[in-house]
C-alpha atoms as a PDB file:
ATOM      1  CA  UNK A   1       3.848  40.038   7.037  1.00  0.00           C
ATOM      2  CA  UNK A   2       5.684  38.902  10.134  1.00  0.00           C
ATOM      3  CA  UNK A   3       2.534  39.066  12.290  1.00  0.00           C
ATOM      4  CA  UNK A   4       0.593  37.068   9.704  1.00  0.00           C
ATOM      5  CA  UNK A   5       3.154  34.256   9.860  1.00  0.00           C
ATOM      6  CA  UNK A   6       3.065  34.248  13.657  1.00  0.00           C
ATOM      7  CA  UNK A   7      -0.715  34.151  13.601  1.00  0.00           C
ATOM      8  CA  UNK A   8      -0.712  31.274  11.094  1.00  0.00           C
ATOM      9  CA  UNK A   9       1.763  29.323  13.216  1.00  0.00           C
ATOM     10  CA  UNK A  10      -0.240  29.964  16.368  1.00  0.00           C
ATOM     11  CA  UNK A  11      -3.460  28.907  14.666  1.00  0.00           C
ATOM     12  CA  UNK A  12      -1.814  25.695  13.440  1.00  0.00           C
ATOM     13  CA  UNK A  13      -0.445  24.966  16.889  1.00  0.00           C
ATOM     14  CA  UNK A  14      -3.779  25.515  18.622  1.00  0.00           C
ATOM     15  CA  UNK A  15      -5.584  23.437  15.996  1.00  0.00           C
ATOM     16  CA  UNK A  16      -3.115  20.593  16.439  1.00  0.00           C
ATOM     17  CA  UNK A  17      -3.490  20.669  20.203  1.00  0.00           C
ATOM     18  CA  UNK A  18      -7.274  20.616  19.931  1.00  0.00           C
ATOM     19  CA  UNK A  19      -7.126  17.669  17.546  1.00  0.00           C
ATOM     20  CA  UNK A  20      -4.739  15.760  19.799  1.00  0.00           C
ATOM     21  CA  UNK A  21      -6.905  16.501  22.817  1.00  0.00           C
ATOM     22  CA  UNK A  22     -10.015  15.381  20.979  1.00  0.00           C
ATOM     23  CA  UNK A  23      -8.464  12.084  19.993  1.00  0.00           C
ATOM     24  CA  UNK A  24      -7.186  11.552  23.535  1.00  0.00           C
ATOM     25  CA  UNK A  25     -10.662  12.172  24.920  1.00  0.00           C
ATOM     26  CA  UNK A  26     -12.138   9.711  22.468  1.00  0.00           C
ATOM     27  CA  UNK A  27     -10.981   6.827  24.591  1.00  0.00           C
ATOM     28  CA  UNK A  28      -9.074   3.770  23.633  1.00  0.00           C
ATOM     29  CA  UNK A  29      -9.986   1.385  20.891  1.00  0.00           C
ATOM     30  CA  UNK A  30     -11.447  -2.017  21.698  1.00  0.00           C
ATOM     31  CA  UNK A  31      -8.840  -4.503  22.865  1.00  0.00           C
ATOM     32  CA  UNK A  32      -7.473  -7.031  20.412  1.00  0.00           C
ATOM     33  CA  UNK A  33      -7.321  -9.878  22.903  1.00  0.00           C
ATOM     34  CA  UNK A  34      -8.373 -12.919  20.876  1.00  0.00           C
ATOM     35  CA  UNK A  35      -5.583 -15.251  19.795  1.00  0.00           C
ATOM     36  CA  UNK A  36      -5.137 -15.097  16.027  1.00  0.00           C
ATOM     37  CA  UNK A  37      -3.482 -18.519  16.205  1.00  0.00           C
ATOM     38  CA  UNK A  38      -6.434 -20.251  17.887  1.00  0.00           C
ATOM     39  CA  UNK A  39      -9.280 -18.132  16.502  1.00  0.00           C
ATOM     40  CA  UNK A  40      -8.264 -16.451  13.247  1.00  0.00           C
ATOM     41  CA  UNK A  41     -11.802 -15.407  12.293  1.00  0.00           C
ATOM     42  CA  UNK A  42     -12.611 -13.880  15.675  1.00  0.00           C
ATOM     43  CA  UNK A  43      -9.234 -12.116  15.767  1.00  0.00           C
ATOM     44  CA  UNK A  44      -9.893 -10.711  12.286  1.00  0.00           C
ATOM     45  CA  UNK A  45     -13.316  -9.514  13.423  1.00  0.00           C
ATOM     46  CA  UNK A  46     -11.699  -7.781  16.395  1.00  0.00           C
ATOM     47  CA  UNK A  47      -9.239  -6.070  14.071  1.00  0.00           C
ATOM     48  CA  UNK A  48     -12.081  -4.808  11.869  1.00  0.00           C
ATOM     49  CA  UNK A  49     -13.967  -3.631  14.951  1.00  0.00           C
ATOM     50  CA  UNK A  50     -10.931  -1.646  16.039  1.00  0.00           C
ATOM     51  CA  UNK A  51     -10.597  -0.109  12.569  1.00  0.00           C
ATOM     52  CA  UNK A  52     -14.280   0.861  12.581  1.00  0.00           C
ATOM     53  CA  UNK A  53     -13.828   2.464  16.000  1.00  0.00           C
ATOM     54  CA  UNK A  54     -10.903   4.538  14.711  1.00  0.00           C
ATOM     55  CA  UNK A  55     -12.953   5.672  11.698  1.00  0.00           C
ATOM     56  CA  UNK A  56     -15.721   6.806  14.057  1.00  0.00           C
ATOM     57  CA  UNK A  57     -13.187   8.835  16.044  1.00  0.00           C
ATOM     58  CA  UNK A  58     -11.940  10.382  12.794  1.00  0.00           C
ATOM     59  CA  UNK A  59     -15.525  11.238  11.822  1.00  0.00           C
ATOM     60  CA  UNK A  60     -16.072  12.869  15.202  1.00  0.00           C
ATOM     61  CA  UNK A  61     -12.939  14.965  14.834  1.00  0.00           C
ATOM     62  CA  UNK A  62     -13.809  15.934  11.256  1.00  0.00           C
ATOM     63  CA  UNK A  63     -17.296  17.006  12.320  1.00  0.00           C
ATOM     64  CA  UNK A  64     -16.129  18.758  15.485  1.00  0.00           C
ATOM     65  CA  UNK A  65     -17.826  16.111  17.639  1.00  0.00           C
ATOM     66  CA  UNK A  66     -21.256  17.184  16.366  1.00  0.00           C
ATOM     67  CA  UNK A  67     -22.798  13.864  15.330  1.00  0.00           C
ATOM     68  CA  UNK A  68     -25.801  13.916  17.627  1.00  0.00           C
ATOM     69  CA  UNK A  69     -24.337  11.324  19.990  1.00  0.00           C
ATOM     70  CA  UNK A  70     -24.708   8.604  17.364  1.00  0.00           C
ATOM     71  CA  UNK A  71     -20.977   8.071  16.869  1.00  0.00           C
ATOM     72  CA  UNK A  72     -20.507   7.656  20.632  1.00  0.00           C
ATOM     73  CA  UNK A  73     -23.314   5.085  20.699  1.00  0.00           C
ATOM     74  CA  UNK A  74     -21.757   3.256  17.739  1.00  0.00           C
ATOM     75  CA  UNK A  75     -18.399   3.213  19.543  1.00  0.00           C
ATOM     76  CA  UNK A  76     -20.048   1.751  22.649  1.00  0.00           C
ATOM     77  CA  UNK A  77     -21.711  -0.930  20.531  1.00  0.00           C
ATOM     78  CA  UNK A  78     -18.389  -1.794  18.898  1.00  0.00           C
ATOM     79  CA  UNK A  79     -16.863  -2.162  22.372  1.00  0.00           C
ATOM     80  CA  UNK A  80     -19.755  -4.436  23.352  1.00  0.00           C
ATOM     81  CA  UNK A  81     -19.289  -6.496  20.178  1.00  0.00           C
ATOM     82  CA  UNK A  82     -15.585  -6.759  20.938  1.00  0.00           C
ATOM     83  CA  UNK A  83     -16.341  -8.062  24.426  1.00  0.00           C
ATOM     84  CA  UNK A  84     -18.699 -10.655  22.925  1.00  0.00           C
ATOM     85  CA  UNK A  85     -15.974 -11.776  20.500  1.00  0.00           C
ATOM     86  CA  UNK A  86     -13.674 -12.390  23.460  1.00  0.00           C
ATOM     87  CA  UNK A  87     -16.414 -14.393  25.198  1.00  0.00           C
ATOM     88  CA  UNK A  88     -16.979 -16.396  22.010  1.00  0.00           C
ATOM     89  CA  UNK A  89     -13.280 -17.268  21.894  1.00  0.00           C
ATOM     90  CA  UNK A  90     -13.368 -18.304  25.548  1.00  0.00           C
ATOM     91  CA  UNK A  91     -16.443 -20.457  24.886  1.00  0.00           C
ATOM     92  CA  UNK A  92     -14.652 -22.125  21.983  1.00  0.00           C
ATOM     93  CA  UNK A  93     -11.648 -22.730  24.230  1.00  0.00           C
ATOM     94  CA  UNK A  94     -13.965 -24.485  26.670  1.00  0.00           C
ATOM     95  CA  UNK A  95     -15.208 -26.742  23.887  1.00  0.00           C
ATOM     96  CA  UNK A  96     -11.639 -27.947  23.238  1.00  0.00           C
ATOM     97  CA  UNK A  97     -11.201 -29.411  26.703  1.00  0.00           C
END
């Protein structure tokens, strides 16, 4: 009984470390760098992009990273979209001058 409890604790510990390592390797979410005060719609879009990115990471973890590379590509596209949102905000700022 005692060995079973130790084994269960060890398994939980290893599983937790693998999960934490997997999330750490997933990279950071897209930056939320658009002013919500000046560009509320673009800032909201950035927030949704970040949430979508986190859901992709969760899907990768849940499927042991076996998604055929499609989740990674989707994450890269979300990062690209996020960069474009920042450029759109900067373009709008230029129109206010």
